[in-house]
Protein backbone atom coordinates (compact mmCIF):
# COMPACT_ATOMS: atom_id res chain seq x y z
CA UNK A 1 140.00 78.08 39.34
CA UNK A 2 139.52 74.54 39.49
CA UNK A 3 140.77 72.50 36.52
CA UNK A 4 138.64 69.50 35.55
CA UNK A 5 139.63 66.78 33.19
CA UNK A 6 137.32 68.12 30.26
CA UNK A 7 138.79 71.71 30.75
CA UNK A 8 142.52 72.27 30.16
CA UNK A 9 144.44 74.62 32.48
CA UNK A 10 144.55 78.09 31.01
CA UNK A 11 147.81 78.91 29.48
CA UNK A 12 150.00 81.80 30.99
CA UNK A 13 149.22 84.22 28.06
CA UNK A 14 145.38 83.65 28.85
CA UNK A 15 143.35 86.42 30.51
CA UNK A 16 142.65 86.03 33.96
CA UNK A 17 139.30 87.71 33.47
CA UNK A 18 136.31 85.04 33.35
CA UNK A 19 134.53 84.77 30.07
CA UNK A 20 130.86 85.05 29.76
CA UNK A 21 130.68 81.25 29.49
CA UNK A 22 132.69 81.07 32.70
CA UNK A 23 130.07 83.35 34.36
CA UNK A 24 127.10 81.10 33.08
CA UNK A 25 128.96 78.04 34.49
CA UNK A 26 129.25 79.80 37.97
CA UNK A 27 125.65 81.06 37.72
CA UNK A 28 124.57 77.60 37.10
CA UNK A 29 126.46 76.15 39.99
CA UNK A 30 124.55 78.63 42.37
CA UNK A 31 121.16 77.90 40.46
CA UNK A 32 121.85 74.00 41.06
CA UNK A 33 122.40 74.42 44.78
CA UNK A 34 118.66 75.41 45.40
CA UNK A 35 117.37 73.54 42.33
CA UNK A 36 114.64 70.90 42.92
CA UNK A 37 113.24 68.66 40.29
CA UNK A 38 109.60 69.54 40.15
CA UNK A 39 108.88 66.37 38.25
CA UNK A 40 107.55 68.16 35.37
CA UNK A 41 106.91 66.37 32.07
CA UNK A 42 108.48 67.39 28.57
CA UNK A 43 104.87 67.95 27.60
CA UNK A 44 104.06 71.59 27.98
CA UNK A 45 101.32 72.26 30.53
CA UNK A 46 99.59 74.91 28.24
CA UNK A 47 99.84 72.68 25.15
CA UNK A 48 101.28 75.78 23.20
CA UNK A 49 104.48 76.44 21.14
CA UNK A 50 105.71 80.02 20.95
CA UNK A 51 107.96 80.73 17.79
CA UNK A 52 109.75 83.91 18.39
CA UNK A 53 112.86 85.97 17.27
CA UNK A 54 116.06 85.36 19.27
CA UNK A 55 116.33 89.03 20.04
CA UNK A 56 117.60 89.54 23.59
CA UNK A 57 115.03 92.18 24.42
CA UNK A 58 112.36 89.61 24.26
CA UNK A 59 111.71 88.05 27.66
CA UNK A 60 108.88 85.72 26.51
CA UNK A 61 108.21 84.12 29.94
CA UNK A 62 107.60 87.47 31.58
CA UNK A 63 105.72 89.09 28.54
CA UNK A 64 103.37 86.13 27.99
CA UNK A 65 102.95 85.30 31.62
CA UNK A 66 104.42 81.88 31.25
CA UNK A 67 105.99 79.85 33.92
CA UNK A 68 108.65 76.99 33.50
CA UNK A 69 107.08 74.02 31.96
CA UNK A 70 104.15 75.90 30.18
CA UNK A 71 105.31 76.13 26.72
CA UNK A 72 107.75 74.99 24.06
CA UNK A 73 109.68 78.02 22.86
CA UNK A 74 111.27 78.00 19.55
CA UNK A 75 113.64 80.89 18.68
CA UNK A 76 115.51 81.93 15.59
CA UNK A 77 116.77 85.04 13.78
CA UNK A 78 113.44 87.03 12.89
CA UNK A 79 111.22 84.31 14.44
CA UNK A 80 110.57 83.33 10.85
CA UNK A 81 109.05 79.86 10.16
CA UNK A 82 111.67 77.90 8.38
CA UNK A 83 111.84 74.18 7.60
CA UNK A 84 113.84 73.74 10.82
CA UNK A 85 110.91 75.49 12.64
CA UNK A 86 108.40 73.15 11.00
CA UNK A 87 110.56 70.38 12.19
CA UNK A 88 110.46 71.41 15.78
CA UNK A 89 106.60 72.37 15.65
CA UNK A 90 106.04 68.71 14.22
CA UNK A 91 107.79 67.08 17.02
CA UNK A 92 106.20 69.39 19.58
CA UNK A 93 102.71 68.45 18.13
CA UNK A 94 102.94 64.94 17.35
CA UNK A 95 105.38 63.80 20.13
CA UNK A 96 104.65 66.12 22.96
CA UNK A 97 100.92 67.14 22.60
CA UNK A 98 100.94 70.81 21.81
CA UNK A 99 97.96 72.05 19.97
CA UNK A 100 98.39 75.99 19.60
CA UNK A 101 100.94 77.88 18.02
CA UNK A 102 101.97 81.61 18.68
CA UNK A 103 104.27 83.42 16.46
CA UNK A 104 105.95 86.68 17.62
CA UNK A 105 107.89 89.02 15.55
CA UNK A 106 109.22 92.51 16.96
CA UNK A 107 109.73 95.94 16.16
CA UNK A 108 113.43 97.02 15.34
CA UNK A 109 114.42 93.59 14.11
CA UNK A 110 117.71 93.06 12.74
CA UNK A 111 116.25 91.20 9.90
CA UNK A 112 114.27 94.25 8.71
CA UNK A 113 115.99 95.27 5.65
CA UNK A 114 118.79 92.73 5.68
CA UNK A 115 119.09 91.28 2.14
CA UNK A 116 120.14 88.28 0.55
CA UNK A 117 123.35 90.09 -0.17
CA UNK A 118 124.45 89.08 3.33
CA UNK A 119 124.88 85.38 1.88
CA UNK A 120 126.88 86.54 -0.96
CA UNK A 121 129.19 88.55 1.22
CA UNK A 122 129.59 85.57 3.48
CA UNK A 123 130.54 83.60 0.25
CA UNK A 124 133.24 86.13 -0.53
CA UNK A 125 134.64 86.17 2.87
CA UNK A 126 134.73 82.48 3.57
CA UNK A 127 134.72 80.90 0.12
CA UNK A 128 131.30 79.07 0.42
CA UNK A 129 127.86 80.32 0.17
CA UNK A 130 125.60 79.27 3.15
CA UNK A 131 122.81 76.77 2.22
CA UNK A 132 120.30 78.51 4.34
CA UNK A 133 118.27 81.60 3.25
CA UNK A 134 118.68 84.71 5.21
CA UNK A 135 114.80 84.98 5.48
CA UNK A 136 114.96 88.87 5.70
CA UNK A 137 111.95 91.03 5.18
CA UNK A 138 110.96 94.50 4.80
CA UNK A 139 107.18 94.21 5.79
CA UNK A 140 106.97 93.05 9.47
CA UNK A 141 103.34 92.41 9.29
CA UNK A 142 103.56 90.57 6.03
CA UNK A 143 106.28 88.35 7.33
CA UNK A 144 104.02 87.40 10.36
CA UNK A 145 101.28 86.49 7.80
CA UNK A 146 103.77 84.59 5.82
CA UNK A 147 104.87 82.62 8.83
CA UNK A 148 101.16 81.91 9.87
CA UNK A 149 100.56 80.67 6.21
CA UNK A 150 103.64 78.37 6.38
CA UNK A 151 102.42 76.88 9.63
CA UNK A 152 98.70 76.48 8.35
CA UNK A 153 99.76 74.84 5.18
CA UNK A 154 102.35 72.41 6.45
CA UNK A 155 101.38 68.92 5.89
CA UNK A 156 103.35 67.76 8.91
CA UNK A 157 101.39 69.66 11.47
CA UNK A 158 98.37 68.23 13.17
CA UNK A 159 96.85 71.28 14.76
CA UNK A 160 96.38 74.40 12.57
CA UNK A 161 93.12 75.73 13.87
CA UNK A 162 94.79 77.94 16.60
CA UNK A 163 97.75 79.70 14.93
CA UNK A 164 98.14 83.34 15.84
CA UNK A 165 100.77 85.94 14.87
CA UNK A 166 101.90 89.15 16.80
CA UNK A 167 104.35 91.91 16.67
CA UNK A 168 105.94 92.79 19.97
CA UNK A 169 106.80 96.43 20.48
CA UNK A 170 110.31 96.54 22.01
CA UNK A 171 109.62 99.97 23.35
CA UNK A 172 106.13 99.44 25.18
CA UNK A 173 106.16 95.60 25.68
CA UNK A 174 102.75 95.28 23.94
CA UNK A 175 101.79 92.76 21.62
CA UNK A 176 99.73 93.83 18.46
CA UNK A 177 97.96 90.90 16.73
CA UNK A 178 98.43 90.36 12.99
CA UNK A 179 95.26 89.06 11.22
C-alpha cells in the first residue's frame, strides 16, 4: 500500500484487509483512468430535482431512466421533506434552474413504525438529545402527501406547479403515484 502524507501508515495491529473506503478509493482510481470531462454544467439538463430515501435498494438513475447530469438527487432517511431538504430545493431552483420536484418514498422503509422514542434512547445513550426530528411515519402514502404539501407551501421555492409524489415498490421496481 502506498502511504500518502494525508494518510498515516497503518499500525502493526491494523488489519491488512482493506476497508470499504479503501475499496472506494481504488475503484475511483480505476474510474478516473477512463474519465473524461463531458463539459457538463451544474444545472440539471432535465430541470428536475428528485427527493428520495437513502435506502440502498433504490437505484434512482436506472429506475427513472436518468443519465449523469439529468437531475439533482437529494436523499435522506425516508425521503421526507425537512428544512434541509427545502434548503437544497431552494438552491436547486433559485441558483441552478430546476423547475420540477419528484418525491419518492418506498415500501419496506426503515422509518415506517420508528418513533420519536429513538431520540430519547439516543439521549439516554450519549447524554444529549438530537436537535433533529426522526420524521418517522406509519402511513406511507400520507407521508408522501405531507412532503408534497411542505414543498407546495414553502415560501422559498419558486416552482411549485410540478410537484409529484410516488411510492417505489422495492419488490417490483414500480412507482405508484400518490395524489
